[in-house]
């Protein structure tokens, strides 16, 4: 029987499925309910409490979700108090965001004693101060964080200029790359003639962006010698396999939980194991980068 454990550098996961940041991960109880993922990523946390954008913040579209939550969070001190005593066997990855290297470094040092790794969110598509404005600072921010903590640091990137941005993250000594974030997008109500989201634009996620995510991982795998985590549009075991074959060592899932709940991790793990057994693969490592060797 195939084994599903995988490695992200020094981290060992029982399976390659990870709960993506922003879904089911704001409270201790919600994190504890995700029992069969290989790892869970916390909500993106900033220095201070943030209310986020005004409603509407989420729109369901034909092949996914459009959201402009605006990075709502209770702030680092309140969040760390919330997750005290967290009972989970999953690997916990702390997601943080900030406006500059000082904020990121401060958050990283606060978070490191409570998590196994950090994810630097530097690609939010609907809050410019924490997305587009920090993109030129990727190397500086990453270096500031990796120099101040002793746990693995992963950088989450959007699809835009992904090779150049990944190169900047690696120059800052990132331990891995997470790709991709949601895509900048918009929906308009044709009756009112107005954008539906309160923020007008948001980030698009779901099945429609999977081919873009797979392509980005494939291109990163050809250029980067660090663990890659694929994100975007995963709903089946076959989707996971595509990302693995493109070069990812693990994947993150978020939007699919809106319709299928936390049990989706169990279902996809079972499907993944059945497919690997049927096709003669003994472990996840045998699948990683398979498309690059043909």
Protein backbone atom coordinates (compact mmCIF):
# COMPACT_ATOMS: atom_id res chain seq x y z
CA UNK A 1 0.00 0.00 0.00
CA UNK A 2 1.28 3.45 -0.95
CA UNK A 3 2.41 5.79 1.82
CA UNK A 4 1.21 9.39 1.74
CA UNK A 5 3.76 11.10 3.97
CA UNK A 6 5.79 13.90 2.42
CA UNK A 7 8.51 16.34 3.41
CA UNK A 8 8.83 20.11 3.15
CA UNK A 9 12.48 20.44 4.00
CA UNK A 10 12.75 19.53 7.68
CA UNK A 11 8.97 19.25 8.09
CA UNK A 12 7.34 15.84 7.80
CA UNK A 13 3.63 15.74 6.92
CA UNK A 14 1.48 12.62 7.25
CA UNK A 15 -0.04 13.44 3.85
CA UNK A 16 0.43 16.21 1.26
CA UNK A 17 -2.90 18.00 1.88
CA UNK A 18 -2.76 21.33 3.74
CA UNK A 19 -5.58 23.60 4.86
CA UNK A 20 -5.02 26.93 3.10
CA UNK A 21 -4.93 30.20 5.02
CA UNK A 22 -8.22 32.02 5.43
CA UNK A 23 -10.52 29.00 5.58
CA UNK A 24 -11.66 27.41 8.85
CA UNK A 25 -8.62 28.68 10.72
CA UNK A 26 -9.43 31.75 12.80
CA UNK A 27 -10.13 30.01 16.12
CA UNK A 28 -8.67 27.17 18.13
CA UNK A 29 -11.85 25.10 17.80
CA UNK A 30 -12.02 25.50 14.01
CA UNK A 31 -8.38 24.47 13.63
CA UNK A 32 -8.94 21.42 15.82
CA UNK A 33 -11.79 20.26 13.58
CA UNK A 34 -9.39 19.77 10.66
CA UNK A 35 -8.15 16.35 11.73
CA UNK A 36 -6.97 14.61 8.55
CA UNK A 37 -4.98 17.29 6.73
CA UNK A 38 -1.21 16.88 6.76
CA UNK A 39 -0.89 20.48 7.96
CA UNK A 40 -3.01 23.54 8.61
CA UNK A 41 -2.20 27.20 7.91
CA UNK A 42 -3.58 29.85 10.22
CA UNK A 43 -5.54 32.87 9.13
CA UNK A 44 -3.16 35.61 7.99
CA UNK A 45 -2.35 37.62 11.10
CA UNK A 46 -1.10 41.20 11.33
CA UNK A 47 0.36 43.33 14.09
CA UNK A 48 -2.96 44.93 15.04
CA UNK A 49 -6.64 43.99 14.84
CA UNK A 50 -8.13 44.61 11.41
CA UNK A 51 -11.83 44.65 10.54
CA UNK A 52 -11.41 44.02 6.81
CA UNK A 53 -13.52 45.33 3.94
CA UNK A 54 -17.22 46.15 4.08
CA UNK A 55 -19.84 43.71 2.80
CA UNK A 56 -20.42 42.08 0.40
CA UNK A 57 -17.07 40.33 0.76
CA UNK A 58 -17.74 37.00 -1.02
CA UNK A 59 -19.44 36.20 -4.33
CA UNK A 60 -20.03 32.67 -5.58
CA UNK A 61 -19.31 32.39 -9.30
CA UNK A 62 -19.68 29.57 -11.83
CA UNK A 63 -16.32 27.93 -11.12
CA UNK A 64 -15.20 29.34 -7.82
CA UNK A 65 -15.38 32.17 -5.30
CA UNK A 66 -14.55 35.85 -5.57
CA UNK A 67 -13.62 37.36 -2.21
CA UNK A 68 -12.41 40.65 -0.81
CA UNK A 69 -12.29 39.94 2.90
CA UNK A 70 -9.59 42.54 3.47
CA UNK A 71 -7.43 40.44 5.82
CA UNK A 72 -9.67 40.66 8.91
CA UNK A 73 -7.90 39.32 12.00
CA UNK A 74 -7.69 39.96 15.74
CA UNK A 75 -4.02 40.99 15.77
CA UNK A 76 -1.06 38.88 16.80
CA UNK A 77 -1.42 39.07 20.60
CA UNK A 78 -5.12 38.19 20.63
CA UNK A 79 -4.60 35.39 18.10
CA UNK A 80 -1.80 33.76 20.07
CA UNK A 81 -4.00 33.87 23.15
CA UNK A 82 -6.82 32.26 21.15
CA UNK A 83 -4.72 29.27 20.04
CA UNK A 84 -3.16 28.58 23.45
CA UNK A 85 -3.66 24.90 24.26
CA UNK A 86 -4.42 23.97 20.65
CA UNK A 87 -4.97 20.22 20.51
CA UNK A 88 -3.93 18.98 17.10
CA UNK A 89 -1.53 16.44 15.66
CA UNK A 90 -1.37 18.42 12.41
CA UNK A 91 1.68 20.49 11.50
CA UNK A 92 0.73 24.12 12.21
CA UNK A 93 1.97 26.84 9.86
CA UNK A 94 1.51 30.48 10.88
CA UNK A 95 0.52 32.94 8.16
CA UNK A 96 1.56 36.57 8.69
CA UNK A 97 1.30 39.84 6.74
CA UNK A 98 2.72 43.33 7.17
CA UNK A 99 3.67 46.55 5.41
CA UNK A 100 7.44 46.27 5.82
CA UNK A 101 10.28 44.08 7.05
CA UNK A 102 9.98 45.40 10.60
CA UNK A 103 6.34 44.31 10.89
CA UNK A 104 7.02 40.90 9.34
CA UNK A 105 10.02 40.29 11.58
CA UNK A 106 8.07 41.32 14.69
CA UNK A 107 5.20 38.98 13.80
CA UNK A 108 7.56 36.11 12.97
CA UNK A 109 9.31 36.33 16.31
CA UNK A 110 5.98 36.45 18.14
CA UNK A 111 4.62 33.47 16.18
CA UNK A 112 7.63 31.14 16.06
CA UNK A 113 7.19 29.52 19.48
CA UNK A 114 3.61 28.52 18.59
CA UNK A 115 3.99 27.06 15.08
CA UNK A 116 6.20 24.66 13.13
CA UNK A 117 6.76 27.01 10.17
CA UNK A 118 5.81 30.42 8.84
CA UNK A 119 4.04 31.47 5.65
CA UNK A 120 4.71 35.05 4.53
CA UNK A 121 1.63 36.41 2.76
CA UNK A 122 3.07 38.96 0.34
CA UNK A 123 0.55 38.60 -2.47
CA UNK A 124 -2.92 39.64 -1.23
CA UNK A 125 -4.69 40.85 -4.42
CA UNK A 126 -7.29 43.07 -2.73
CA UNK A 127 -5.31 44.97 -0.07
CA UNK A 128 -2.60 46.87 -1.91
CA UNK A 129 -0.59 47.83 1.18
CA UNK A 130 -0.06 44.13 1.88
CA UNK A 131 0.12 42.91 -1.72
CA UNK A 132 1.42 45.02 -4.59
CA UNK A 133 3.23 47.47 -2.32
CA UNK A 134 5.29 44.79 -0.58
CA UNK A 135 6.20 42.92 -3.79
CA UNK A 136 9.32 45.06 -4.36
CA UNK A 137 10.36 44.21 -0.79
CA UNK A 138 10.18 40.42 -1.07
CA UNK A 139 13.92 39.83 -0.72
CA UNK A 140 14.31 42.34 2.10
CA UNK A 141 11.30 41.05 4.05
CA UNK A 142 12.19 37.39 3.58
CA UNK A 143 15.76 37.98 4.70
CA UNK A 144 14.56 39.92 7.75
CA UNK A 145 12.32 37.02 8.78
CA UNK A 146 14.72 34.16 8.05
CA UNK A 147 17.42 36.01 10.01
CA UNK A 148 15.18 36.39 13.06
CA UNK A 149 13.62 32.93 13.46
CA UNK A 150 14.80 29.32 13.57
CA UNK A 151 11.84 27.63 11.90
CA UNK A 152 11.17 27.10 8.16
CA UNK A 153 9.90 30.13 6.26
CA UNK A 154 7.70 29.77 3.17
CA UNK A 155 6.76 32.70 0.92
CA UNK A 156 3.29 32.80 -0.67
CA UNK A 157 3.28 34.35 -4.14
CA UNK A 158 0.69 35.33 -6.72
CA UNK A 159 0.95 34.34 -10.38
CA UNK A 160 2.30 37.73 -11.49
CA UNK A 161 6.05 37.74 -12.27
CA UNK A 162 6.30 34.56 -10.26
CA UNK A 163 9.80 33.50 -11.33
CA UNK A 164 11.31 36.90 -10.52
CA UNK A 165 9.45 37.08 -7.21
CA UNK A 166 10.46 33.55 -6.27
CA UNK A 167 14.06 34.41 -7.08
CA UNK A 168 13.82 37.39 -4.72
CA UNK A 169 12.40 35.16 -1.98
CA UNK A 170 15.21 32.65 -2.44
CA UNK A 171 17.81 35.43 -2.25
CA UNK A 172 16.22 36.19 1.11
CA UNK A 173 16.81 32.53 2.06
CA UNK A 174 13.21 31.31 1.90
CA UNK A 175 12.87 27.60 2.70
CA UNK A 176 10.06 27.09 0.19
CA UNK A 177 7.54 28.74 -2.13
CA UNK A 178 3.73 28.60 -1.93
CA UNK A 179 1.94 29.28 -5.23
CA UNK A 180 -0.47 30.64 -6.14
CA UNK A 181 -2.61 33.17 -4.33
CA UNK A 182 -6.05 34.16 -5.60
CA UNK A 183 -6.24 36.08 -8.90
CA UNK A 184 -7.33 39.75 -9.06
CA UNK A 185 -10.87 39.76 -10.44
CA UNK A 186 -14.25 41.50 -10.44
CA UNK A 187 -17.99 40.82 -10.81
CA UNK A 188 -20.65 43.41 -11.76
CA UNK A 189 -24.36 43.37 -10.97
CA UNK A 190 -25.98 44.25 -14.30
CA UNK A 191 -29.21 45.41 -12.62
CA UNK A 192 -27.58 48.00 -10.37
CA UNK A 193 -24.68 48.62 -12.78
CA UNK A 194 -22.27 48.36 -9.83
CA UNK A 195 -19.46 46.05 -8.74
CA UNK A 196 -20.87 43.40 -6.40
CA UNK A 197 -18.05 43.39 -3.87
CA UNK A 198 -17.85 46.18 -1.34
CA UNK A 199 -14.19 46.59 -2.30
CA UNK A 200 -15.11 46.48 -6.02
CA UNK A 201 -12.28 44.02 -6.83
CA UNK A 202 -11.27 40.82 -5.08
CA UNK A 203 -9.38 37.56 -5.39
CA UNK A 204 -10.73 34.70 -7.51
CA UNK A 205 -10.24 31.11 -6.33
CA UNK A 206 -11.59 27.68 -7.20
CA UNK A 207 -11.49 25.18 -10.05
CA UNK A 208 -11.04 27.77 -12.79
CA UNK A 209 -7.55 28.75 -11.60
CA UNK A 210 -6.14 25.22 -11.28
CA UNK A 211 -4.43 25.16 -14.72
CA UNK A 212 -2.72 28.45 -13.85
CA UNK A 213 -1.52 27.09 -10.51
CA UNK A 214 -0.21 23.91 -12.10
CA UNK A 215 1.65 25.91 -14.74
CA UNK A 216 3.23 28.15 -12.10
CA UNK A 217 4.42 25.19 -10.03
CA UNK A 218 5.85 23.53 -13.14
CA UNK A 219 7.80 26.66 -14.05
CA UNK A 220 9.00 27.14 -10.47
CA UNK A 221 10.15 23.52 -10.26
CA UNK A 222 12.38 24.07 -13.29
CA UNK A 223 14.04 27.07 -11.61
CA UNK A 224 13.92 26.54 -7.83
CA UNK A 225 15.64 23.93 -5.68
CA UNK A 226 13.37 24.30 -2.64
CA UNK A 227 10.11 22.60 -1.64
CA UNK A 228 7.03 23.90 -3.48
CA UNK A 229 3.45 23.96 -2.22
CA UNK A 230 0.79 24.14 -4.93
CA UNK A 231 -2.46 26.05 -4.42
CA UNK A 232 -5.50 26.68 -6.57
CA UNK A 233 -8.62 24.80 -7.63
CA UNK A 234 -8.04 21.40 -6.02
CA UNK A 235 -11.21 19.33 -5.63
CA UNK A 236 -10.09 15.74 -6.41
CA UNK A 237 -7.19 13.36 -5.93
CA UNK A 238 -6.40 13.75 -9.63
CA UNK A 239 -5.96 17.50 -9.09
CA UNK A 240 -3.46 16.80 -6.32
CA UNK A 241 -1.56 14.40 -8.58
CA UNK A 242 -1.25 17.07 -11.29
CA UNK A 243 0.35 19.47 -8.82
CA UNK A 244 2.68 16.76 -7.51
CA UNK A 245 3.75 15.76 -11.00
CA UNK A 246 4.37 19.43 -11.80
CA UNK A 247 6.85 19.59 -8.92
CA UNK A 248 4.92 20.34 -5.72
CA UNK A 249 5.69 18.32 -2.58
CA UNK A 250 2.36 19.30 -0.99
CA UNK A 251 -0.79 21.24 -1.86
CA UNK A 252 -3.15 23.61 -0.10
CA UNK A 253 -6.95 23.46 -0.29
CA UNK A 254 -9.43 26.17 0.64
CA UNK A 255 -12.38 26.97 -1.61
CA UNK A 256 -13.49 23.33 -1.82
CA UNK A 257 -14.27 23.39 1.92
CA UNK A 258 -17.16 25.79 1.29
CA UNK A 259 -19.13 23.05 -0.45
CA UNK A 260 -17.65 19.82 0.98
CA UNK A 261 -16.51 20.65 4.50
CA UNK A 262 -13.46 19.34 6.34
CA UNK A 263 -14.22 15.73 5.38
CA UNK A 264 -12.85 16.51 1.92
CA UNK A 265 -9.33 15.86 3.25
CA UNK A 266 -10.23 12.28 4.15
CA UNK A 267 -11.96 11.67 0.82
CA UNK A 268 -9.08 13.01 -1.27
CA UNK A 269 -6.45 11.14 0.77
CA UNK A 270 -8.35 7.91 0.12
CA UNK A 271 -8.61 8.67 -3.58
CA UNK A 272 -4.93 9.53 -3.75
CA UNK A 273 -3.90 6.28 -2.11
CA UNK A 274 -6.17 4.23 -4.37
CA UNK A 275 -4.78 5.90 -7.50
CA UNK A 276 -1.18 5.39 -6.38
CA UNK A 277 -1.82 1.71 -5.58
CA UNK A 278 -3.48 1.17 -8.95
CA UNK A 279 -0.61 2.83 -10.83
CA UNK A 280 2.26 1.27 -8.88
CA UNK A 281 3.51 4.31 -6.95
CA UNK A 282 4.90 3.47 -3.51
CA UNK A 283 5.24 6.98 -2.06
CA UNK A 284 4.51 10.66 -2.72
CA UNK A 285 8.14 11.29 -3.57
CA UNK A 286 7.78 9.04 -6.62
CA UNK A 287 5.18 11.45 -8.01
CA UNK A 288 6.90 14.77 -7.26
CA UNK A 289 8.22 16.33 -10.47
CA UNK A 290 7.26 13.34 -12.60
CA UNK A 291 6.18 15.61 -15.47
CA UNK A 292 9.59 17.26 -15.47
CA UNK A 293 11.42 14.03 -16.23
CA UNK A 294 9.48 12.99 -19.30
